[in-house]
Amino acid sequence: MAFASTGVLLHFALTSKTSLIHLSPLTYLYGFLMAIFATVLPSYMVAEGIKRIGSGNSAIVSSIGPVSTLILAYFMLGETFSIEQIIGTIMILIGVYIIGKFNP
């Protein structure tokens, strides 16, 4: 994560005409909180989940992520479903069910 952050900041410094120095303290606080709660903690939680249930089961569980994003976008953002998304969602759920049922 440190190398990724360094790469992002280096890219920003080389390509942007905007400086990060003059921002308000509240902006830095929000950035710090987003980094901790949206990146660092989830990374540690995924690593702990893999340790507890194994990489195979963790991969199966993580395949639900796009489906939950689609459902949350519908309810929270008012987005609409397309027929392709509905078919894809059904295929993912069937696949997760089959793998989960037949994988000890």
PDB file of N, CA and C in Angstrom:
ATOM      1  N   MET A   1       0.828  -1.192   0.000  1.00  0.00           N
ATOM      2  CA  MET A   1       0.000   0.000   0.000  1.00  0.00           C
ATOM      3  C   MET A   1       0.871   1.254   0.000  1.00  0.00           C
ATOM      4  N   ALA A   2       1.999   1.177   0.689  1.00  0.00           N
ATOM      5  CA  ALA A   2       2.889   2.340   0.735  1.00  0.00           C
ATOM      6  C   ALA A   2       3.471   2.630  -0.648  1.00  0.00           C
ATOM      7  N   PHE A   3       3.862   1.577  -1.374  1.00  0.00           N
ATOM      8  CA  PHE A   3       4.399   1.789  -2.710  1.00  0.00           C
ATOM      9  C   PHE A   3       3.329   2.314  -3.666  1.00  0.00           C
ATOM     10  N   ALA A   4       2.120   1.795  -3.552  1.00  0.00           N
ATOM     11  CA  ALA A   4       1.029   2.286  -4.394  1.00  0.00           C
ATOM     12  C   ALA A   4       0.742   3.749  -4.111  1.00  0.00           C
ATOM     13  N   SER A   5       0.724   4.121  -2.837  1.00  0.00           N
ATOM     14  CA  SER A   5       0.488   5.518  -2.467  1.00  0.00           C
ATOM     15  C   SER A   5       1.590   6.417  -3.003  1.00  0.00           C
ATOM     16  N   THR A   6       2.827   5.954  -2.881  1.00  0.00           N
ATOM     17  CA  THR A   6       3.952   6.730  -3.395  1.00  0.00           C
ATOM     18  C   THR A   6       3.835   6.921  -4.903  1.00  0.00           C
ATOM     19  N   GLY A   7       3.466   5.865  -5.598  1.00  0.00           N
ATOM     20  CA  GLY A   7       3.292   5.965  -7.042  1.00  0.00           C
ATOM     21  C   GLY A   7       2.202   6.943  -7.432  1.00  0.00           C
ATOM     22  N   VAL A   8       1.092   6.913  -6.732  1.00  0.00           N
ATOM     23  CA  VAL A   8      -0.021   7.821  -7.026  1.00  0.00           C
ATOM     24  C   VAL A   8       0.388   9.271  -6.768  1.00  0.00           C
ATOM     25  N   LEU A   9       1.031   9.511  -5.636  1.00  0.00           N
ATOM     26  CA  LEU A   9       1.459  10.875  -5.314  1.00  0.00           C
ATOM     27  C   LEU A   9       2.522  11.371  -6.275  1.00  0.00           C
ATOM     28  N   LEU A  10       3.444  10.508  -6.675  1.00  0.00           N
ATOM     29  CA  LEU A  10       4.466  10.890  -7.647  1.00  0.00           C
ATOM     30  C   LEU A  10       3.833  11.221  -8.995  1.00  0.00           C
ATOM     31  N   HIS A  11       2.902  10.398  -9.436  1.00  0.00           N
ATOM     32  CA  HIS A  11       2.202  10.660 -10.694  1.00  0.00           C
ATOM     33  C   HIS A  11       1.452  11.985 -10.625  1.00  0.00           C
ATOM     34  N   PHE A  12       0.770  12.225  -9.517  1.00  0.00           N
ATOM     35  CA  PHE A  12       0.038  13.487  -9.340  1.00  0.00           C
ATOM     36  C   PHE A  12       0.995  14.675  -9.400  1.00  0.00           C
ATOM     37  N   ALA A  13       2.130  14.567  -8.718  1.00  0.00           N
ATOM     38  CA  ALA A  13       3.088  15.670  -8.690  1.00  0.00           C
ATOM     39  C   ALA A  13       3.665  15.954 -10.069  1.00  0.00           C
ATOM     40  N   LEU A  14       3.855  14.909 -10.865  1.00  0.00           N
ATOM     41  CA  LEU A  14       4.456  15.101 -12.190  1.00  0.00           C
ATOM     42  C   LEU A  14       3.458  15.553 -13.247  1.00  0.00           C
ATOM     43  N   THR A  15       2.204  15.216 -13.079  1.00  0.00           N
ATOM     44  CA  THR A  15       1.233  15.493 -14.148  1.00  0.00           C
ATOM     45  C   THR A  15       0.235  16.586 -13.831  1.00  0.00           C
ATOM     46  N   SER A  16       0.120  16.989 -12.578  1.00  0.00           N
ATOM     47  CA  SER A  16      -0.899  17.962 -12.206  1.00  0.00           C
ATOM     48  C   SER A  16      -0.286  19.337 -11.975  1.00  0.00           C
ATOM     49  N   LYS A  17      -1.045  20.343 -12.343  1.00  0.00           N
ATOM     50  CA  LYS A  17      -0.611  21.710 -12.089  1.00  0.00           C
ATOM     51  C   LYS A  17      -1.131  22.209 -10.737  1.00  0.00           C
ATOM     52  N   THR A  18      -1.878  21.366 -10.030  1.00  0.00           N
ATOM     53  CA  THR A  18      -2.461  21.708  -8.734  1.00  0.00           C
ATOM     54  C   THR A  18      -1.540  21.238  -7.619  1.00  0.00           C
ATOM     55  N   SER A  19      -1.460  22.013  -6.562  1.00  0.00           N
ATOM     56  CA  SER A  19      -0.653  21.652  -5.408  1.00  0.00           C
ATOM     57  C   SER A  19      -1.547  21.084  -4.306  1.00  0.00           C
ATOM     58  N   LEU A  20      -1.008  20.139  -3.562  1.00  0.00           N
ATOM     59  CA  LEU A  20      -1.745  19.565  -2.438  1.00  0.00           C
ATOM     60  C   LEU A  20      -1.451  20.302  -1.130  1.00  0.00           C
ATOM     61  N   ILE A  21      -0.588  21.284  -1.177  1.00  0.00           N
ATOM     62  CA  ILE A  21      -0.137  21.958   0.039  1.00  0.00           C
ATOM     63  C   ILE A  21      -1.172  22.938   0.584  1.00  0.00           C
ATOM     64  N   HIS A  22      -1.936  23.586  -0.246  1.00  0.00           N
ATOM     65  CA  HIS A  22      -2.813  24.686   0.176  1.00  0.00           C
ATOM     66  C   HIS A  22      -4.225  24.261   0.577  1.00  0.00           C
ATOM     67  N   LEU A  23      -4.489  22.983   0.673  1.00  0.00           N
ATOM     68  CA  LEU A  23      -5.842  22.518   0.983  1.00  0.00           C
ATOM     69  C   LEU A  23      -6.171  22.749   2.457  1.00  0.00           C
ATOM     70  N   SER A  24      -7.452  22.756   2.756  1.00  0.00           N
ATOM     71  CA  SER A  24      -7.885  23.002   4.138  1.00  0.00           C
ATOM     72  C   SER A  24      -7.590  21.784   5.017  1.00  0.00           C
ATOM     73  N   PRO A  25      -7.442  22.012   6.322  1.00  0.00           N
ATOM     74  CA  PRO A  25      -7.205  20.881   7.242  1.00  0.00           C
ATOM     75  C   PRO A  25      -8.322  19.837   7.187  1.00  0.00           C
ATOM     76  N   LEU A  26      -9.557  20.267   6.949  1.00  0.00           N
ATOM     77  CA  LEU A  26     -10.664  19.323   6.861  1.00  0.00           C
ATOM     78  C   LEU A  26     -10.488  18.384   5.663  1.00  0.00           C
ATOM     79  N   THR A  27      -9.948  18.893   4.573  1.00  0.00           N
ATOM     80  CA  THR A  27      -9.689  18.059   3.398  1.00  0.00           C
ATOM     81  C   THR A  27      -8.673  16.976   3.728  1.00  0.00           C
ATOM     82  N   TYR A  28      -7.616  17.356   4.450  1.00  0.00           N
ATOM     83  CA  TYR A  28      -6.616  16.361   4.850  1.00  0.00           C
ATOM     84  C   TYR A  28      -7.216  15.326   5.805  1.00  0.00           C
ATOM     85  N   LEU A  29      -8.082  15.770   6.703  1.00  0.00           N
ATOM     86  CA  LEU A  29      -8.740  14.843   7.625  1.00  0.00           C
ATOM     87  C   LEU A  29      -9.602  13.847   6.860  1.00  0.00           C
ATOM     88  N   TYR A  30     -10.402  14.344   5.925  1.00  0.00           N
ATOM     89  CA  TYR A  30     -11.236  13.444   5.115  1.00  0.00           C
ATOM     90  C   TYR A  30     -10.382  12.472   4.312  1.00  0.00           C
ATOM     91  N   GLY A  31      -9.304  12.950   3.738  1.00  0.00           N
ATOM     92  CA  GLY A  31      -8.409  12.078   2.978  1.00  0.00           C
ATOM     93  C   GLY A  31      -7.801  10.996   3.854  1.00  0.00           C
ATOM     94  N   PHE A  32      -7.384  11.384   5.056  1.00  0.00           N
ATOM     95  CA  PHE A  32      -6.821  10.410   5.993  1.00  0.00           C
ATOM     96  C   PHE A  32      -7.863   9.371   6.396  1.00  0.00           C
ATOM     97  N   LEU A  33      -9.068   9.829   6.723  1.00  0.00           N
ATOM     98  CA  LEU A  33     -10.120   8.894   7.131  1.00  0.00           C
ATOM     99  C   LEU A  33     -10.509   7.958   5.990  1.00  0.00           C
ATOM    100  N   MET A  34     -10.576   8.490   4.764  1.00  0.00           N
ATOM    101  CA  MET A  34     -10.881   7.626   3.622  1.00  0.00           C
ATOM    102  C   MET A  34      -9.773   6.593   3.424  1.00  0.00           C
ATOM    103  N   ALA A  35      -8.525   7.010   3.585  1.00  0.00           N
ATOM    104  CA  ALA A  35      -7.414   6.068   3.428  1.00  0.00           C
ATOM    105  C   ALA A  35      -7.500   4.950   4.451  1.00  0.00           C
ATOM    106  N   ILE A  36      -7.814   5.288   5.683  1.00  0.00           N
ATOM    107  CA  ILE A  36      -7.880   4.273   6.739  1.00  0.00           C
ATOM    108  C   ILE A  36      -9.089   3.368   6.570  1.00  0.00           C
ATOM    109  N   PHE A  37     -10.273   3.966   6.426  1.00  0.00           N
ATOM    110  CA  PHE A  37     -11.513   3.177   6.419  1.00  0.00           C
ATOM    111  C   PHE A  37     -11.846   2.539   5.078  1.00  0.00           C
ATOM    112  N   ALA A  38     -11.316   3.059   3.984  1.00  0.00           N
ATOM    113  CA  ALA A  38     -11.651   2.494   2.676  1.00  0.00           C
ATOM    114  C   ALA A  38     -10.507   1.691   2.064  1.00  0.00           C
ATOM    115  N   THR A  39      -9.315   1.743   2.674  1.00  0.00           N
ATOM    116  CA  THR A  39      -8.181   1.027   2.101  1.00  0.00           C
ATOM    117  C   THR A  39      -7.477   0.148   3.123  1.00  0.00           C
ATOM    118  N   VAL A  40      -6.979   0.747   4.183  1.00  0.00           N
ATOM    119  CA  VAL A  40      -6.141   0.007   5.128  1.00  0.00           C
ATOM    120  C   VAL A  40      -6.943  -1.046   5.886  1.00  0.00           C
ATOM    121  N   LEU A  41      -8.016  -0.651   6.546  1.00  0.00           N
ATOM    122  CA  LEU A  41      -8.807  -1.621   7.309  1.00  0.00           C
ATOM    123  C   LEU A  41      -9.384  -2.734   6.435  1.00  0.00           C
ATOM    124  N   PRO A  42      -9.983  -2.424   5.272  1.00  0.00           N
ATOM    125  CA  PRO A  42     -10.467  -3.527   4.431  1.00  0.00           C
ATOM    126  C   PRO A  42      -9.360  -4.486   3.995  1.00  0.00           C
ATOM    127  N   SER A  43      -8.168  -3.976   3.736  1.00  0.00           N
ATOM    128  CA  SER A  43      -7.063  -4.859   3.346  1.00  0.00           C
ATOM    129  C   SER A  43      -6.718  -5.833   4.464  1.00  0.00           C
ATOM    130  N   TYR A  44      -6.636  -5.322   5.680  1.00  0.00           N
ATOM    131  CA  TYR A  44      -6.361  -6.207   6.816  1.00  0.00           C
ATOM    132  C   TYR A  44      -7.511  -7.175   7.059  1.00  0.00           C
ATOM    133  N   MET A  45      -8.733  -6.729   6.866  1.00  0.00           N
ATOM    134  CA  MET A  45      -9.886  -7.617   7.054  1.00  0.00           C
ATOM    135  C   MET A  45      -9.898  -8.739   6.019  1.00  0.00           C
ATOM    136  N   VAL A  46      -9.566  -8.424   4.775  1.00  0.00           N
ATOM    137  CA  VAL A  46      -9.497  -9.461   3.741  1.00  0.00           C
ATOM    138  C   VAL A  46      -8.397 -10.465   4.080  1.00  0.00           C
ATOM    139  N   ALA A  47      -7.239  -9.966   4.509  1.00  0.00           N
ATOM    140  CA  ALA A  47      -6.147 -10.871   4.874  1.00  0.00           C
ATOM    141  C   ALA A  47      -6.549 -11.778   6.037  1.00  0.00           C
ATOM    142  N   GLU A  48      -7.231 -11.225   7.017  1.00  0.00           N
ATOM    143  CA  GLU A  48      -7.695 -12.033   8.153  1.00  0.00           C
ATOM    144  C   GLU A  48      -8.754 -13.042   7.703  1.00  0.00           C
ATOM    145  N   GLY A  49      -9.641 -12.621   6.799  1.00  0.00           N
ATOM    146  CA  GLY A  49     -10.652 -13.537   6.274  1.00  0.00           C
ATOM    147  C   GLY A  49     -10.031 -14.697   5.520  1.00  0.00           C
ATOM    148  N   ILE A  50      -9.002 -14.404   4.717  1.00  0.00           N
ATOM    149  CA  ILE A  50      -8.310 -15.473   3.992  1.00  0.00           C
ATOM    150  C   ILE A  50      -7.648 -16.424   4.978  1.00  0.00           C
ATOM    151  N   LYS A  51      -7.069 -15.879   6.029  1.00  0.00           N
ATOM    152  CA  LYS A  51      -6.424 -16.725   7.047  1.00  0.00           C
ATOM    153  C   LYS A  51      -7.445 -17.624   7.736  1.00  0.00           C
ATOM    154  N   ARG A  52      -8.633 -17.097   7.976  1.00  0.00           N
ATOM    155  CA  ARG A  52      -9.635 -17.867   8.720  1.00  0.00           C
ATOM    156  C   ARG A  52     -10.371 -18.898   7.870  1.00  0.00           C
ATOM    157  N   ILE A  53     -10.775 -18.545   6.643  1.00  0.00           N
ATOM    158  CA  ILE A  53     -11.596 -19.472   5.851  1.00  0.00           C
ATOM    159  C   ILE A  53     -10.878 -20.048   4.642  1.00  0.00           C
ATOM    160  N   GLY A  54      -9.662 -19.609   4.376  1.00  0.00           N
ATOM    161  CA  GLY A  54      -8.900 -20.142   3.250  1.00  0.00           C
ATOM    162  C   GLY A  54      -9.099 -19.317   1.992  1.00  0.00           C
ATOM    163  N   SER A  55      -8.145 -19.449   1.091  1.00  0.00           N
ATOM    164  CA  SER A  55      -8.167 -18.622  -0.117  1.00  0.00           C
ATOM    165  C   SER A  55      -9.293 -19.010  -1.077  1.00  0.00           C
ATOM    166  N   GLY A  56      -9.586 -20.307  -1.173  1.00  0.00           N
ATOM    167  CA  GLY A  56     -10.650 -20.744  -2.084  1.00  0.00           C
ATOM    168  C   GLY A  56     -12.011 -20.216  -1.684  1.00  0.00           C
ATOM    169  N   ASN A  57     -12.341 -20.384  -0.419  1.00  0.00           N
ATOM    170  CA  ASN A  57     -13.630 -19.890   0.064  1.00  0.00           C
ATOM    171  C   ASN A  57     -13.679 -18.368   0.038  1.00  0.00           C
ATOM    172  N   SER A  58     -12.551 -17.752   0.296  1.00  0.00           N
ATOM    173  CA  SER A  58     -12.498 -16.288   0.244  1.00  0.00           C
ATOM    174  C   SER A  58     -12.766 -15.781  -1.175  1.00  0.00           C
ATOM    175  N   ALA A  59     -12.248 -16.480  -2.163  1.00  0.00           N
ATOM    176  CA  ALA A  59     -12.495 -16.102  -3.555  1.00  0.00           C
ATOM    177  C   ALA A  59     -13.974 -16.246  -3.909  1.00  0.00           C
ATOM    178  N   ILE A  60     -14.596 -17.301  -3.395  1.00  0.00           N
ATOM    179  CA  ILE A  60     -16.019 -17.506  -3.653  1.00  0.00           C
ATOM    180  C   ILE A  60     -16.835 -16.370  -3.034  1.00  0.00           C
ATOM    181  N   VAL A  61     -16.530 -16.031  -1.796  1.00  0.00           N
ATOM    182  CA  VAL A  61     -17.257 -14.959  -1.115  1.00  0.00           C
ATOM    183  C   VAL A  61     -17.043 -13.625  -1.815  1.00  0.00           C
ATOM    184  N   SER A  62     -15.818 -13.376  -2.282  1.00  0.00           N
ATOM    185  CA  SER A  62     -15.533 -12.081  -2.916  1.00  0.00           C
ATOM    186  C   SER A  62     -16.248 -11.912  -4.252  1.00  0.00           C
ATOM    187  N   SER A  63     -16.684 -12.995  -4.862  1.00  0.00           N
ATOM    188  CA  SER A  63     -17.406 -12.865  -6.127  1.00  0.00           C
ATOM    189  C   SER A  63     -18.792 -12.264  -5.942  1.00  0.00           C
ATOM    190  N   ILE A  64     -19.251 -12.164  -4.716  1.00  0.00           N
ATOM    191  CA  ILE A  64     -20.536 -11.522  -4.426  1.00  0.00           C
ATOM    192  C   ILE A  64     -20.399  -9.993  -4.452  1.00  0.00           C
ATOM    193  N   GLY A  65     -19.174  -9.483  -4.375  1.00  0.00           N
ATOM    194  CA  GLY A  65     -18.936  -8.044  -4.333  1.00  0.00           C
ATOM    195  C   GLY A  65     -19.600  -7.255  -5.450  1.00  0.00           C
ATOM    196  N   PRO A  66     -19.402  -7.630  -6.712  1.00  0.00           N
ATOM    197  CA  PRO A  66     -20.053  -6.886  -7.795  1.00  0.00           C
ATOM    198  C   PRO A  66     -21.582  -6.930  -7.728  1.00  0.00           C
ATOM    199  N   VAL A  67     -22.115  -8.057  -7.280  1.00  0.00           N
ATOM    200  CA  VAL A  67     -23.568  -8.173  -7.157  1.00  0.00           C
ATOM    201  C   VAL A  67     -24.084  -7.225  -6.081  1.00  0.00           C
ATOM    202  N   SER A  68     -23.402  -7.192  -4.943  1.00  0.00           N
ATOM    203  CA  SER A  68     -23.842  -6.293  -3.881  1.00  0.00           C
ATOM    204  C   SER A  68     -23.688  -4.829  -4.296  1.00  0.00           C
ATOM    205  N   THR A  69     -22.668  -4.513  -5.068  1.00  0.00           N
ATOM    206  CA  THR A  69     -22.504  -3.147  -5.576  1.00  0.00           C
ATOM    207  C   THR A  69     -23.664  -2.769  -6.479  1.00  0.00           C
ATOM    208  N   LEU A  70     -24.066  -3.690  -7.333  1.00  0.00           N
ATOM    209  CA  LEU A  70     -25.187  -3.451  -8.238  1.00  0.00           C
ATOM    210  C   LEU A  70     -26.479  -3.211  -7.462  1.00  0.00           C
ATOM    211  N   ILE A  71     -26.712  -4.009  -6.458  1.00  0.00           N
ATOM    212  CA  ILE A  71     -27.931  -3.872  -5.652  1.00  0.00           C
ATOM    213  C   ILE A  71     -27.912  -2.566  -4.858  1.00  0.00           C
ATOM    214  N   LEU A  72     -26.777  -2.241  -4.255  1.00  0.00           N
ATOM    215  CA  LEU A  72     -26.680  -0.986  -3.508  1.00  0.00           C
ATOM    216  C   LEU A  72     -26.843   0.225  -4.423  1.00  0.00           C
ATOM    217  N   ALA A  73     -26.303   0.163  -5.643  1.00  0.00           N
ATOM    218  CA  ALA A  73     -26.461   1.268  -6.590  1.00  0.00           C
ATOM    219  C   ALA A  73     -27.930   1.462  -6.954  1.00  0.00           C
ATOM    220  N   TYR A  74     -28.661   0.366  -7.039  1.00  0.00           N
ATOM    221  CA  TYR A  74     -30.081   0.457  -7.346  1.00  0.00           C
ATOM    222  C   TYR A  74     -30.842   1.146  -6.213  1.00  0.00           C
ATOM    223  N   PHE A  75     -30.600   0.696  -4.982  1.00  0.00           N
ATOM    224  CA  PHE A  75     -31.358   1.231  -3.854  1.00  0.00           C
ATOM    225  C   PHE A  75     -30.871   2.593  -3.377  1.00  0.00           C
ATOM    226  N   MET A  76     -29.572   2.820  -3.383  1.00  0.00           N
ATOM    227  CA  MET A  76     -29.051   4.054  -2.806  1.00  0.00           C
ATOM    228  C   MET A  76     -28.886   5.180  -3.827  1.00  0.00           C
ATOM    229  N   LEU A  77     -28.588   4.826  -5.073  1.00  0.00           N
ATOM    230  CA  LEU A  77     -28.335   5.854  -6.083  1.00  0.00           C
ATOM    231  C   LEU A  77     -29.441   5.961  -7.124  1.00  0.00           C
ATOM    232  N   GLY A  78     -30.400   5.046  -7.065  1.00  0.00           N
ATOM    233  CA  GLY A  78     -31.504   5.092  -8.011  1.00  0.00           C
ATOM    234  C   GLY A  78     -31.126   4.660  -9.422  1.00  0.00           C
ATOM    235  N   GLU A  79     -30.036   3.901  -9.564  1.00  0.00           N
ATOM    236  CA  GLU A  79     -29.647   3.420 -10.887  1.00  0.00           C
ATOM    237  C   GLU A  79     -30.582   2.307 -11.340  1.00  0.00           C
ATOM    238  N   THR A  80     -30.627   2.085 -12.624  1.00  0.00           N
ATOM    239  CA  THR A  80     -31.502   1.050 -13.170  1.00  0.00           C
ATOM    240  C   THR A  80     -30.682  -0.186 -13.542  1.00  0.00           C
ATOM    241  N   PHE A  81     -31.378  -1.323 -13.584  1.00  0.00           N
ATOM    242  CA  PHE A  81     -30.776  -2.579 -14.023  1.00  0.00           C
ATOM    243  C   PHE A  81     -30.955  -2.720 -15.522  1.00  0.00           C
ATOM    244  N   SER A  82     -29.943  -3.258 -16.195  1.00  0.00           N
ATOM    245  CA  SER A  82     -30.109  -3.662 -17.590  1.00  0.00           C
ATOM    246  C   SER A  82     -30.290  -5.180 -17.611  1.00  0.00           C
ATOM    247  N   ILE A  83     -30.764  -5.691 -18.701  1.00  0.00           N
ATOM    248  CA  ILE A  83     -30.977  -7.137 -18.810  1.00  0.00           C
ATOM    249  C   ILE A  83     -29.648  -7.880 -18.702  1.00  0.00           C
ATOM    250  N   GLU A  84     -28.572  -7.283 -19.234  1.00  0.00           N
ATOM    251  CA  GLU A  84     -27.253  -7.905 -19.135  1.00  0.00           C
ATOM    252  C   GLU A  84     -26.803  -8.006 -17.677  1.00  0.00           C
ATOM    253  N   GLN A  85     -27.065  -6.973 -16.892  1.00  0.00           N
ATOM    254  CA  GLN A  85     -26.686  -6.999 -15.486  1.00  0.00           C
ATOM    255  C   GLN A  85     -27.488  -8.043 -14.718  1.00  0.00           C
ATOM    256  N   ILE A  86     -28.752  -8.167 -15.022  1.00  0.00           N
ATOM    257  CA  ILE A  86     -29.589  -9.166 -14.346  1.00  0.00           C
ATOM    258  C   ILE A  86     -29.111 -10.572 -14.685  1.00  0.00           C
ATOM    259  N   ILE A  87     -28.831 -10.827 -15.955  1.00  0.00           N
ATOM    260  CA  ILE A  87     -28.332 -12.144 -16.369  1.00  0.00           C
ATOM    261  C   ILE A  87     -26.984 -12.428 -15.714  1.00  0.00           C
ATOM    262  N   GLY A  88     -26.083 -11.443 -15.703  1.00  0.00           N
ATOM    263  CA  GLY A  88     -24.776 -11.616 -15.074  1.00  0.00           C
ATOM    264  C   GLY A  88     -24.895 -11.886 -13.589  1.00  0.00           C
ATOM    265  N   THR A  89     -25.797 -11.175 -12.922  1.00  0.00           N
ATOM    266  CA  THR A  89     -26.012 -11.375 -11.496  1.00  0.00           C
ATOM    267  C   THR A  89     -26.505 -12.792 -11.219  1.00  0.00           C
ATOM    268  N   ILE A  90     -27.445 -13.249 -12.000  1.00  0.00           N
ATOM    269  CA  ILE A  90     -27.965 -14.610 -11.830  1.00  0.00           C
ATOM    270  C   ILE A  90     -26.868 -15.645 -12.066  1.00  0.00           C
ATOM    271  N   MET A  91     -26.045 -15.415 -13.087  1.00  0.00           N
ATOM    272  CA  MET A  91     -24.957 -16.353 -13.376  1.00  0.00           C
ATOM    273  C   MET A  91     -23.940 -16.393 -12.235  1.00  0.00           C
ATOM    274  N   ILE A  92     -23.605 -15.244 -11.676  1.00  0.00           N
ATOM    275  CA  ILE A  92     -22.663 -15.200 -10.556  1.00  0.00           C
ATOM    276  C   ILE A  92     -23.235 -15.933  -9.354  1.00  0.00           C
ATOM    277  N   LEU A  93     -24.492 -15.662  -9.028  1.00  0.00           N
ATOM    278  CA  LEU A  93     -25.100 -16.305  -7.863  1.00  0.00           C
ATOM    279  C   LEU A  93     -25.196 -17.813  -8.042  1.00  0.00           C
ATOM    280  N   ILE A  94     -25.531 -18.269  -9.247  1.00  0.00           N
ATOM    281  CA  ILE A  94     -25.581 -19.711  -9.511  1.00  0.00           C
ATOM    282  C   ILE A  94     -24.188 -20.322  -9.390  1.00  0.00           C
ATOM    283  N   GLY A  95     -23.198 -19.634  -9.935  1.00  0.00           N
ATOM    284  CA  GLY A  95     -21.826 -20.126  -9.842  1.00  0.00           C
ATOM    285  C   GLY A  95     -21.328 -20.216  -8.416  1.00  0.00           C
ATOM    286  N   VAL A  96     -21.611 -19.204  -7.634  1.00  0.00           N
ATOM    287  CA  VAL A  96     -21.214 -19.212  -6.224  1.00  0.00           C
ATOM    288  C   VAL A  96     -21.924 -20.347  -5.489  1.00  0.00           C
ATOM    289  N   TYR A  97     -23.190 -20.536  -5.779  1.00  0.00           N
ATOM    290  CA  TYR A  97     -23.944 -21.628  -5.139  1.00  0.00           C
ATOM    291  C   TYR A  97     -23.353 -22.979  -5.497  1.00  0.00           C
ATOM    292  N   ILE A  98     -23.074 -23.190  -6.777  1.00  0.00           N
ATOM    293  CA  ILE A  98     -22.546 -24.490  -7.219  1.00  0.00           C
ATOM    294  C   ILE A  98     -21.179 -24.752  -6.612  1.00  0.00           C
ATOM    295  N   ILE A  99     -20.303 -23.773  -6.667  1.00  0.00           N
ATOM    296  CA  ILE A  99     -18.957 -23.966  -6.112  1.00  0.00           C
ATOM    297  C   ILE A  99     -19.027 -24.168  -4.602  1.00  0.00           C
ATOM    298  N   GLY A 100     -19.865 -23.385  -3.940  1.00  0.00           N
ATOM    299  CA  GLY A 100     -19.991 -23.522  -2.495  1.00  0.00           C
ATOM    300  C   GLY A 100     -20.581 -24.841  -2.072  1.00  0.00           C
ATOM    301  N   LYS A 101     -21.513 -25.354  -2.855  1.00  0.00           N
ATOM    302  CA  LYS A 101     -22.180 -26.602  -2.505  1.00  0.00           C
ATOM    303  C   LYS A 101     -21.269 -27.805  -2.700  1.00  0.00           C
ATOM    304  N   PHE A 102     -20.490 -27.793  -3.753  1.00  0.00           N
ATOM    305  CA  PHE A 102     -19.668 -28.960  -4.074  1.00  0.00           C
ATOM    306  C   PHE A 102     -18.211 -28.815  -3.667  1.00  0.00           C
ATOM    307  N   ASN A 103     -17.859 -27.716  -3.019  1.00  0.00           N
ATOM    308  CA  ASN A 103     -16.478 -27.511  -2.556  1.00  0.00           C
ATOM    309  C   ASN A 103     -16.447 -27.655  -1.038  1.00  0.00           C
ATOM    310  N   PRO A 104     -15.805 -28.718  -0.555  1.00  0.00           N
ATOM    311  CA  PRO A 104     -15.840 -28.947   0.914  1.00  0.00           C
ATOM    312  C   PRO A 104     -15.073 -27.924   1.692  1.00  0.00           C
TER     313      PRO A 104
END
